């Protein structure tokens, strides 16, 4: 079955377990936000029915790392930008194809102006990062890029 996204699968169902956080400094809601973004991508664009367990396609994993790093130093040794990097470890199993399984880490980042308060923009930046991550995971699992 092909779709406008380029995805190809005979799978009908998908199960996605909550991605826990092993990153000590990740926001509490990061795991829930990532898991929901992944579910949304696969159910909306993969046309798969979400089931609690034992889906044709199965995802599990955890947030491995969440870091903030200063970028673009300015005069006076201050940083003009801050980069948020999120690394997610993903375990994938395609029950319809024994050879189609993998365990990989995916990493993406977003940058914001250091004069901004992190708490006021963190949700938007997490959403931006999550969109990039789930696109990468979707492509790896269904588009085979």
N, C-alpha and C. Protein backbone atom coordinates (compact mmCIF):
# COMPACT_ATOMS: atom_id res chain seq x y z
N UNK A 1 0.85 -1.18 0.00
CA UNK A 1 0.00 0.00 0.00
C UNK A 1 0.89 1.23 0.00
N UNK A 2 0.62 2.16 -0.90
CA UNK A 2 1.40 3.39 -0.97
C UNK A 2 0.53 4.58 -0.60
N UNK A 3 1.15 5.59 -0.10
CA UNK A 3 0.42 6.80 0.25
C UNK A 3 1.15 8.00 -0.30
N UNK A 4 0.55 9.17 -0.14
CA UNK A 4 1.17 10.39 -0.65
C UNK A 4 2.46 10.72 0.07
N UNK A 5 2.70 10.11 1.22
CA UNK A 5 3.91 10.38 1.98
C UNK A 5 5.09 9.56 1.48
N UNK A 6 4.82 8.59 0.61
CA UNK A 6 5.87 7.68 0.15
C UNK A 6 6.00 6.45 1.02
N UNK A 7 5.15 6.35 2.04
CA UNK A 7 5.19 5.21 2.96
C UNK A 7 4.60 3.99 2.29
N UNK A 8 5.19 2.85 2.63
CA UNK A 8 4.74 1.59 2.07
C UNK A 8 4.71 0.54 3.18
N UNK A 9 3.54 -0.06 3.42
CA UNK A 9 3.45 -1.10 4.42
C UNK A 9 2.17 -1.91 4.23
N UNK A 10 2.24 -3.16 4.62
CA UNK A 10 1.05 -4.00 4.66
C UNK A 10 0.45 -4.01 6.05
N UNK A 11 1.10 -3.36 6.98
CA UNK A 11 0.65 -3.33 8.37
C UNK A 11 -0.68 -2.61 8.48
N UNK A 12 -1.48 -3.07 9.41
CA UNK A 12 -2.78 -2.45 9.69
C UNK A 12 -2.79 -1.77 11.06
N UNK A 13 -1.95 -2.29 11.98
CA UNK A 13 -1.97 -1.77 13.35
C UNK A 13 -0.56 -1.36 13.78
N UNK A 14 -0.55 -0.50 14.80
CA UNK A 14 0.72 -0.03 15.36
C UNK A 14 0.56 0.08 16.87
N UNK A 15 1.58 -0.32 17.58
CA UNK A 15 1.60 -0.09 19.03
C UNK A 15 2.83 0.73 19.37
N UNK A 16 2.61 1.77 20.15
CA UNK A 16 3.69 2.68 20.54
C UNK A 16 3.64 2.82 22.06
N UNK A 17 4.65 2.30 22.70
CA UNK A 17 4.74 2.40 24.16
C UNK A 17 5.22 3.79 24.55
N UNK A 18 4.87 4.19 25.76
CA UNK A 18 5.33 5.49 26.26
C UNK A 18 6.86 5.51 26.30
N UNK A 19 7.44 6.50 25.68
CA UNK A 19 8.88 6.68 25.69
C UNK A 19 9.25 7.34 27.01
N UNK A 20 9.88 6.59 27.89
CA UNK A 20 10.30 7.14 29.17
C UNK A 20 11.49 8.07 28.95
N UNK A 21 11.84 8.79 29.99
CA UNK A 21 12.99 9.69 29.88
C UNK A 21 14.11 9.20 30.78
N UNK A 22 15.26 8.96 30.17
CA UNK A 22 16.47 8.64 30.92
C UNK A 22 17.40 9.85 30.98
N UNK A 23 16.96 10.94 30.42
CA UNK A 23 17.72 12.20 30.43
C UNK A 23 17.36 12.96 31.70
N UNK A 24 18.33 13.14 32.57
CA UNK A 24 18.06 13.73 33.88
C UNK A 24 17.50 15.14 33.83
N UNK A 25 17.91 15.91 32.84
CA UNK A 25 17.48 17.31 32.80
C UNK A 25 16.36 17.58 31.79
N UNK A 26 15.77 16.53 31.23
CA UNK A 26 14.66 16.73 30.29
C UNK A 26 13.42 17.19 31.04
N UNK A 27 12.63 18.05 30.42
CA UNK A 27 11.37 18.46 31.05
C UNK A 27 10.49 17.24 31.30
N UNK A 28 9.72 17.26 32.36
CA UNK A 28 8.87 16.13 32.73
C UNK A 28 7.95 15.72 31.59
N UNK A 29 7.42 16.69 30.87
CA UNK A 29 6.45 16.38 29.81
C UNK A 29 7.09 15.98 28.49
N UNK A 30 8.42 15.97 28.40
CA UNK A 30 9.09 15.66 27.14
C UNK A 30 8.74 14.27 26.63
N UNK A 31 8.69 13.28 27.50
CA UNK A 31 8.41 11.92 27.06
C UNK A 31 6.97 11.80 26.53
N UNK A 32 6.04 12.42 27.21
CA UNK A 32 4.64 12.37 26.76
C UNK A 32 4.47 13.12 25.43
N UNK A 33 5.08 14.28 25.32
CA UNK A 33 4.97 15.06 24.08
C UNK A 33 5.56 14.30 22.89
N UNK A 34 6.71 13.66 23.10
CA UNK A 34 7.32 12.90 22.02
C UNK A 34 6.45 11.70 21.64
N UNK A 35 5.99 10.95 22.62
CA UNK A 35 5.17 9.77 22.35
C UNK A 35 3.91 10.15 21.59
N UNK A 36 3.25 11.22 21.98
CA UNK A 36 2.02 11.66 21.30
C UNK A 36 2.32 12.11 19.87
N UNK A 37 3.44 12.79 19.67
CA UNK A 37 3.81 13.22 18.31
C UNK A 37 4.05 12.00 17.41
N UNK A 38 4.69 10.97 17.95
CA UNK A 38 4.95 9.75 17.18
C UNK A 38 3.64 9.04 16.84
N UNK A 39 2.75 8.92 17.80
CA UNK A 39 1.45 8.30 17.56
C UNK A 39 0.67 9.05 16.48
N UNK A 40 0.65 10.35 16.59
CA UNK A 40 -0.08 11.18 15.63
C UNK A 40 0.45 11.01 14.22
N UNK A 41 1.76 11.01 14.07
CA UNK A 41 2.38 10.88 12.74
C UNK A 41 2.00 9.55 12.10
N UNK A 42 2.10 8.46 12.83
CA UNK A 42 1.85 7.15 12.24
C UNK A 42 0.37 6.86 12.03
N UNK A 43 -0.49 7.38 12.87
CA UNK A 43 -1.92 7.14 12.66
C UNK A 43 -2.48 8.04 11.57
N UNK A 44 -2.01 9.27 11.50
CA UNK A 44 -2.53 10.21 10.49
C UNK A 44 -1.93 10.00 9.11
N UNK A 45 -0.62 9.82 9.04
CA UNK A 45 0.03 9.72 7.74
C UNK A 45 0.35 8.29 7.31
N UNK A 46 0.37 7.38 8.27
CA UNK A 46 0.62 5.98 7.95
C UNK A 46 -0.66 5.18 7.83
N UNK A 47 -1.79 5.83 8.15
CA UNK A 47 -3.09 5.18 8.10
C UNK A 47 -3.12 3.87 8.88
N UNK A 48 -2.52 3.88 10.05
CA UNK A 48 -2.46 2.70 10.90
C UNK A 48 -3.35 2.88 12.11
N UNK A 49 -3.95 1.78 12.55
CA UNK A 49 -4.81 1.81 13.73
C UNK A 49 -3.93 1.60 14.96
N UNK A 50 -4.05 2.49 15.92
CA UNK A 50 -3.27 2.42 17.15
C UNK A 50 -3.90 1.38 18.09
N UNK A 51 -3.07 0.43 18.53
CA UNK A 51 -3.50 -0.57 19.52
C UNK A 51 -2.54 -0.50 20.70
N UNK A 52 -3.02 -0.96 21.86
CA UNK A 52 -2.19 -0.86 23.07
C UNK A 52 -0.96 -1.74 23.02
N UNK A 53 -1.10 -2.96 22.51
CA UNK A 53 0.01 -3.92 22.50
C UNK A 53 -0.05 -4.77 21.24
N UNK A 54 1.10 -5.32 20.89
CA UNK A 54 1.18 -6.34 19.85
C UNK A 54 0.70 -5.87 18.47
N UNK A 55 1.02 -4.63 18.11
CA UNK A 55 0.68 -4.13 16.78
C UNK A 55 1.54 -4.79 15.72
N UNK A 56 1.12 -4.68 14.48
CA UNK A 56 1.95 -5.17 13.37
C UNK A 56 3.30 -4.46 13.39
N UNK A 57 3.28 -3.18 13.67
CA UNK A 57 4.49 -2.39 13.85
C UNK A 57 4.55 -2.00 15.32
N UNK A 58 5.72 -2.16 15.94
CA UNK A 58 5.85 -1.89 17.36
C UNK A 58 7.02 -0.94 17.63
N UNK A 59 6.73 0.08 18.41
CA UNK A 59 7.76 1.05 18.79
C UNK A 59 7.85 1.13 20.31
N UNK A 60 9.06 1.20 20.80
CA UNK A 60 9.32 1.48 22.20
C UNK A 60 10.66 2.20 22.26
N UNK A 61 11.00 2.68 23.44
CA UNK A 61 12.28 3.37 23.56
C UNK A 61 12.27 4.37 24.69
N UNK A 62 13.20 5.31 24.61
CA UNK A 62 13.33 6.29 25.67
C UNK A 62 14.07 7.53 25.16
N UNK A 63 13.88 8.61 25.90
CA UNK A 63 14.64 9.83 25.63
C UNK A 63 16.00 9.62 26.29
N UNK A 64 17.03 9.58 25.46
CA UNK A 64 18.37 9.26 25.94
C UNK A 64 19.11 10.49 26.44
N UNK A 65 18.85 11.64 25.83
CA UNK A 65 19.61 12.83 26.18
C UNK A 65 18.81 14.09 25.85
N UNK A 66 18.96 15.08 26.70
CA UNK A 66 18.38 16.40 26.49
C UNK A 66 19.44 17.39 26.95
N UNK A 67 20.00 18.16 26.01
CA UNK A 67 21.08 19.07 26.38
C UNK A 67 20.81 20.49 25.89
N UNK A 68 21.35 21.42 26.63
CA UNK A 68 21.36 22.83 26.26
C UNK A 68 22.82 23.22 26.07
N UNK A 69 23.13 23.84 24.93
CA UNK A 69 24.51 24.20 24.64
C UNK A 69 24.57 25.61 24.07
N UNK A 70 25.47 26.41 24.61
CA UNK A 70 25.65 27.78 24.11
C UNK A 70 26.27 27.75 22.73
N UNK A 71 25.77 28.61 21.87
CA UNK A 71 26.28 28.74 20.50
C UNK A 71 26.49 30.22 20.21
N UNK A 72 27.23 30.50 19.18
CA UNK A 72 27.43 31.87 18.70
C UNK A 72 27.89 32.81 19.81
N UNK A 73 29.08 32.59 20.36
CA UNK A 73 29.59 33.48 21.40
C UNK A 73 29.67 34.93 20.91
N UNK A 74 29.43 35.83 21.82
CA UNK A 74 29.48 37.25 21.51
C UNK A 74 30.51 37.92 22.40
N UNK A 75 30.78 39.16 22.13
CA UNK A 75 31.74 39.92 22.94
C UNK A 75 31.33 39.87 24.40
N UNK A 76 32.30 39.80 25.27
CA UNK A 76 32.01 39.72 26.70
C UNK A 76 31.74 38.30 27.14
N UNK A 77 32.03 37.33 26.29
CA UNK A 77 31.89 35.90 26.57
C UNK A 77 30.47 35.48 26.90
N UNK A 78 29.51 36.14 26.30
CA UNK A 78 28.13 35.69 26.44
C UNK A 78 27.74 34.96 25.17
N UNK A 79 26.72 34.21 25.24
CA UNK A 79 26.28 33.45 24.09
C UNK A 79 25.04 34.10 23.48
N UNK A 80 25.03 34.20 22.18
CA UNK A 80 23.89 34.79 21.51
C UNK A 80 22.78 33.80 21.27
N UNK A 81 23.13 32.51 21.19
CA UNK A 81 22.16 31.46 20.89
C UNK A 81 22.34 30.28 21.82
N UNK A 82 21.26 29.55 22.03
CA UNK A 82 21.30 28.31 22.80
C UNK A 82 20.68 27.22 21.94
N UNK A 83 21.35 26.08 21.91
CA UNK A 83 20.86 24.94 21.14
C UNK A 83 20.32 23.88 22.09
N UNK A 84 19.07 23.47 21.87
CA UNK A 84 18.47 22.36 22.60
C UNK A 84 18.60 21.13 21.71
N UNK A 85 19.21 20.08 22.23
CA UNK A 85 19.35 18.83 21.47
C UNK A 85 18.63 17.71 22.21
N UNK A 86 17.83 16.97 21.47
CA UNK A 86 17.09 15.85 22.03
C UNK A 86 17.51 14.59 21.28
N UNK A 87 17.90 13.56 22.02
CA UNK A 87 18.29 12.28 21.45
C UNK A 87 17.29 11.24 21.95
N UNK A 88 16.73 10.48 21.01
CA UNK A 88 15.75 9.46 21.34
C UNK A 88 16.24 8.11 20.87
N UNK A 89 16.21 7.13 21.75
CA UNK A 89 16.54 5.75 21.40
C UNK A 89 15.24 5.06 21.02
N UNK A 90 15.21 4.43 19.83
CA UNK A 90 13.99 3.80 19.32
C UNK A 90 14.25 2.34 19.01
N UNK A 91 13.37 1.48 19.53
CA UNK A 91 13.36 0.06 19.20
C UNK A 91 12.14 -0.17 18.30
N UNK A 92 12.37 -0.75 17.13
CA UNK A 92 11.30 -0.97 16.15
C UNK A 92 11.25 -2.44 15.76
N UNK A 93 10.04 -2.98 15.70
CA UNK A 93 9.81 -4.35 15.23
C UNK A 93 8.64 -4.34 14.27
N UNK A 94 8.85 -4.93 13.10
CA UNK A 94 7.78 -5.16 12.13
C UNK A 94 7.44 -6.63 12.22
N UNK A 95 6.31 -6.96 12.83
CA UNK A 95 5.94 -8.36 13.02
C UNK A 95 5.63 -9.07 11.71
N UNK A 96 5.42 -8.32 10.65
CA UNK A 96 5.10 -8.92 9.36
C UNK A 96 6.36 -9.26 8.56
N UNK A 97 7.52 -8.81 9.03
CA UNK A 97 8.79 -9.05 8.34
C UNK A 97 9.89 -9.20 9.38
N UNK A 98 10.32 -10.43 9.62
CA UNK A 98 11.32 -10.70 10.66
C UNK A 98 12.62 -9.94 10.49
N UNK A 99 12.94 -9.55 9.27
CA UNK A 99 14.19 -8.84 9.01
C UNK A 99 14.08 -7.33 9.22
N UNK A 100 12.85 -6.86 9.37
CA UNK A 100 12.62 -5.42 9.50
C UNK A 100 12.48 -5.04 10.97
N UNK A 101 13.62 -4.96 11.65
CA UNK A 101 13.66 -4.50 13.03
C UNK A 101 14.99 -3.79 13.27
N UNK A 102 14.95 -2.80 14.12
CA UNK A 102 16.16 -2.04 14.39
C UNK A 102 16.08 -1.34 15.74
N UNK A 103 17.25 -0.96 16.22
CA UNK A 103 17.41 -0.17 17.44
C UNK A 103 18.37 0.96 17.08
N UNK A 104 17.86 2.17 17.06
CA UNK A 104 18.66 3.31 16.64
C UNK A 104 18.43 4.51 17.54
N UNK A 105 19.39 5.42 17.52
CA UNK A 105 19.20 6.71 18.18
C UNK A 105 19.03 7.78 17.12
N UNK A 106 18.06 8.63 17.34
CA UNK A 106 17.77 9.76 16.46
C UNK A 106 18.02 11.03 17.25
N UNK A 107 18.63 12.01 16.61
CA UNK A 107 18.98 13.25 17.28
C UNK A 107 18.57 14.45 16.42
N UNK A 108 17.96 15.42 17.05
CA UNK A 108 17.60 16.68 16.38
C UNK A 108 17.75 17.82 17.38
N UNK A 109 17.81 19.03 16.84
CA UNK A 109 17.97 20.18 17.73
C UNK A 109 17.18 21.38 17.22
N UNK A 110 17.03 22.34 18.10
CA UNK A 110 16.43 23.64 17.77
C UNK A 110 17.26 24.70 18.49
N UNK A 111 17.29 25.89 17.92
CA UNK A 111 18.10 26.98 18.47
C UNK A 111 17.17 28.14 18.84
N UNK A 112 17.50 28.80 19.94
CA UNK A 112 16.74 29.99 20.32
C UNK A 112 17.69 31.07 20.80
N UNK A 113 17.22 32.30 20.79
CA UNK A 113 18.00 33.45 21.21
C UNK A 113 18.20 33.38 22.73
N UNK A 114 19.43 33.54 23.16
CA UNK A 114 19.77 33.41 24.58
C UNK A 114 19.09 34.46 25.45
N UNK A 115 18.58 35.53 24.86
CA UNK A 115 17.88 36.54 25.66
C UNK A 115 16.47 36.09 26.01
N UNK A 116 15.97 35.04 25.34
CA UNK A 116 14.63 34.53 25.64
C UNK A 116 14.68 33.64 26.87
N UNK A 117 13.58 33.63 27.59
CA UNK A 117 13.44 32.77 28.76
C UNK A 117 13.07 31.37 28.28
N UNK A 118 13.87 30.38 28.64
CA UNK A 118 13.64 29.01 28.18
C UNK A 118 12.23 28.52 28.51
N UNK A 119 11.75 28.80 29.70
CA UNK A 119 10.43 28.30 30.09
C UNK A 119 9.31 28.85 29.20
N UNK A 120 9.52 30.00 28.59
CA UNK A 120 8.48 30.58 27.75
C UNK A 120 8.48 30.03 26.33
N UNK A 121 9.58 29.42 25.90
CA UNK A 121 9.66 28.91 24.52
C UNK A 121 9.93 27.41 24.44
N UNK A 122 10.12 26.77 25.58
CA UNK A 122 10.52 25.36 25.59
C UNK A 122 9.50 24.45 24.92
N UNK A 123 8.22 24.64 25.18
CA UNK A 123 7.19 23.79 24.55
C UNK A 123 7.24 23.90 23.03
N UNK A 124 7.38 25.13 22.52
CA UNK A 124 7.43 25.33 21.07
C UNK A 124 8.68 24.69 20.48
N UNK A 125 9.80 24.80 21.17
CA UNK A 125 11.04 24.20 20.67
C UNK A 125 10.98 22.68 20.74
N UNK A 126 10.37 22.13 21.80
CA UNK A 126 10.19 20.68 21.87
C UNK A 126 9.30 20.18 20.74
N UNK A 127 8.27 20.93 20.44
CA UNK A 127 7.38 20.56 19.33
C UNK A 127 8.14 20.56 18.01
N UNK A 128 8.96 21.57 17.80
CA UNK A 128 9.78 21.67 16.59
C UNK A 128 10.72 20.47 16.47
N UNK A 129 11.39 20.15 17.57
CA UNK A 129 12.32 19.01 17.57
C UNK A 129 11.56 17.70 17.36
N UNK A 130 10.44 17.55 18.06
CA UNK A 130 9.65 16.32 17.93
C UNK A 130 9.18 16.11 16.50
N UNK A 131 8.76 17.16 15.84
CA UNK A 131 8.32 17.04 14.45
C UNK A 131 9.44 16.51 13.56
N UNK A 132 10.64 17.00 13.78
CA UNK A 132 11.80 16.54 13.00
C UNK A 132 12.13 15.08 13.32
N UNK A 133 12.10 14.74 14.60
CA UNK A 133 12.42 13.37 15.02
C UNK A 133 11.41 12.36 14.47
N UNK A 134 10.12 12.67 14.61
CA UNK A 134 9.12 11.69 14.15
C UNK A 134 9.14 11.56 12.63
N UNK A 135 9.51 12.62 11.93
CA UNK A 135 9.66 12.53 10.48
C UNK A 135 10.80 11.57 10.13
N UNK A 136 11.91 11.68 10.84
CA UNK A 136 13.04 10.78 10.62
C UNK A 136 12.66 9.32 10.92
N UNK A 137 11.96 9.11 12.01
CA UNK A 137 11.56 7.76 12.42
C UNK A 137 10.55 7.19 11.44
N UNK A 138 9.59 7.99 11.02
CA UNK A 138 8.59 7.58 10.03
C UNK A 138 9.27 7.16 8.73
N UNK A 139 10.21 7.98 8.28
CA UNK A 139 10.94 7.67 7.04
C UNK A 139 11.75 6.38 7.18
N UNK A 140 12.37 6.18 8.30
CA UNK A 140 13.16 4.97 8.51
C UNK A 140 12.27 3.73 8.53
N UNK A 141 11.13 3.83 9.17
CA UNK A 141 10.25 2.67 9.36
C UNK A 141 9.40 2.37 8.13
N UNK A 142 8.88 3.38 7.47
CA UNK A 142 7.92 3.14 6.39
C UNK A 142 8.39 3.54 4.99
N UNK A 143 9.17 4.60 4.91
CA UNK A 143 9.61 5.06 3.59
C UNK A 143 10.93 4.37 3.22
N UNK A 144 11.63 3.90 4.24
CA UNK A 144 12.91 3.16 4.07
C UNK A 144 14.01 4.04 3.49
N UNK A 145 14.07 5.30 3.92
CA UNK A 145 15.12 6.20 3.48
C UNK A 145 16.35 5.98 4.30
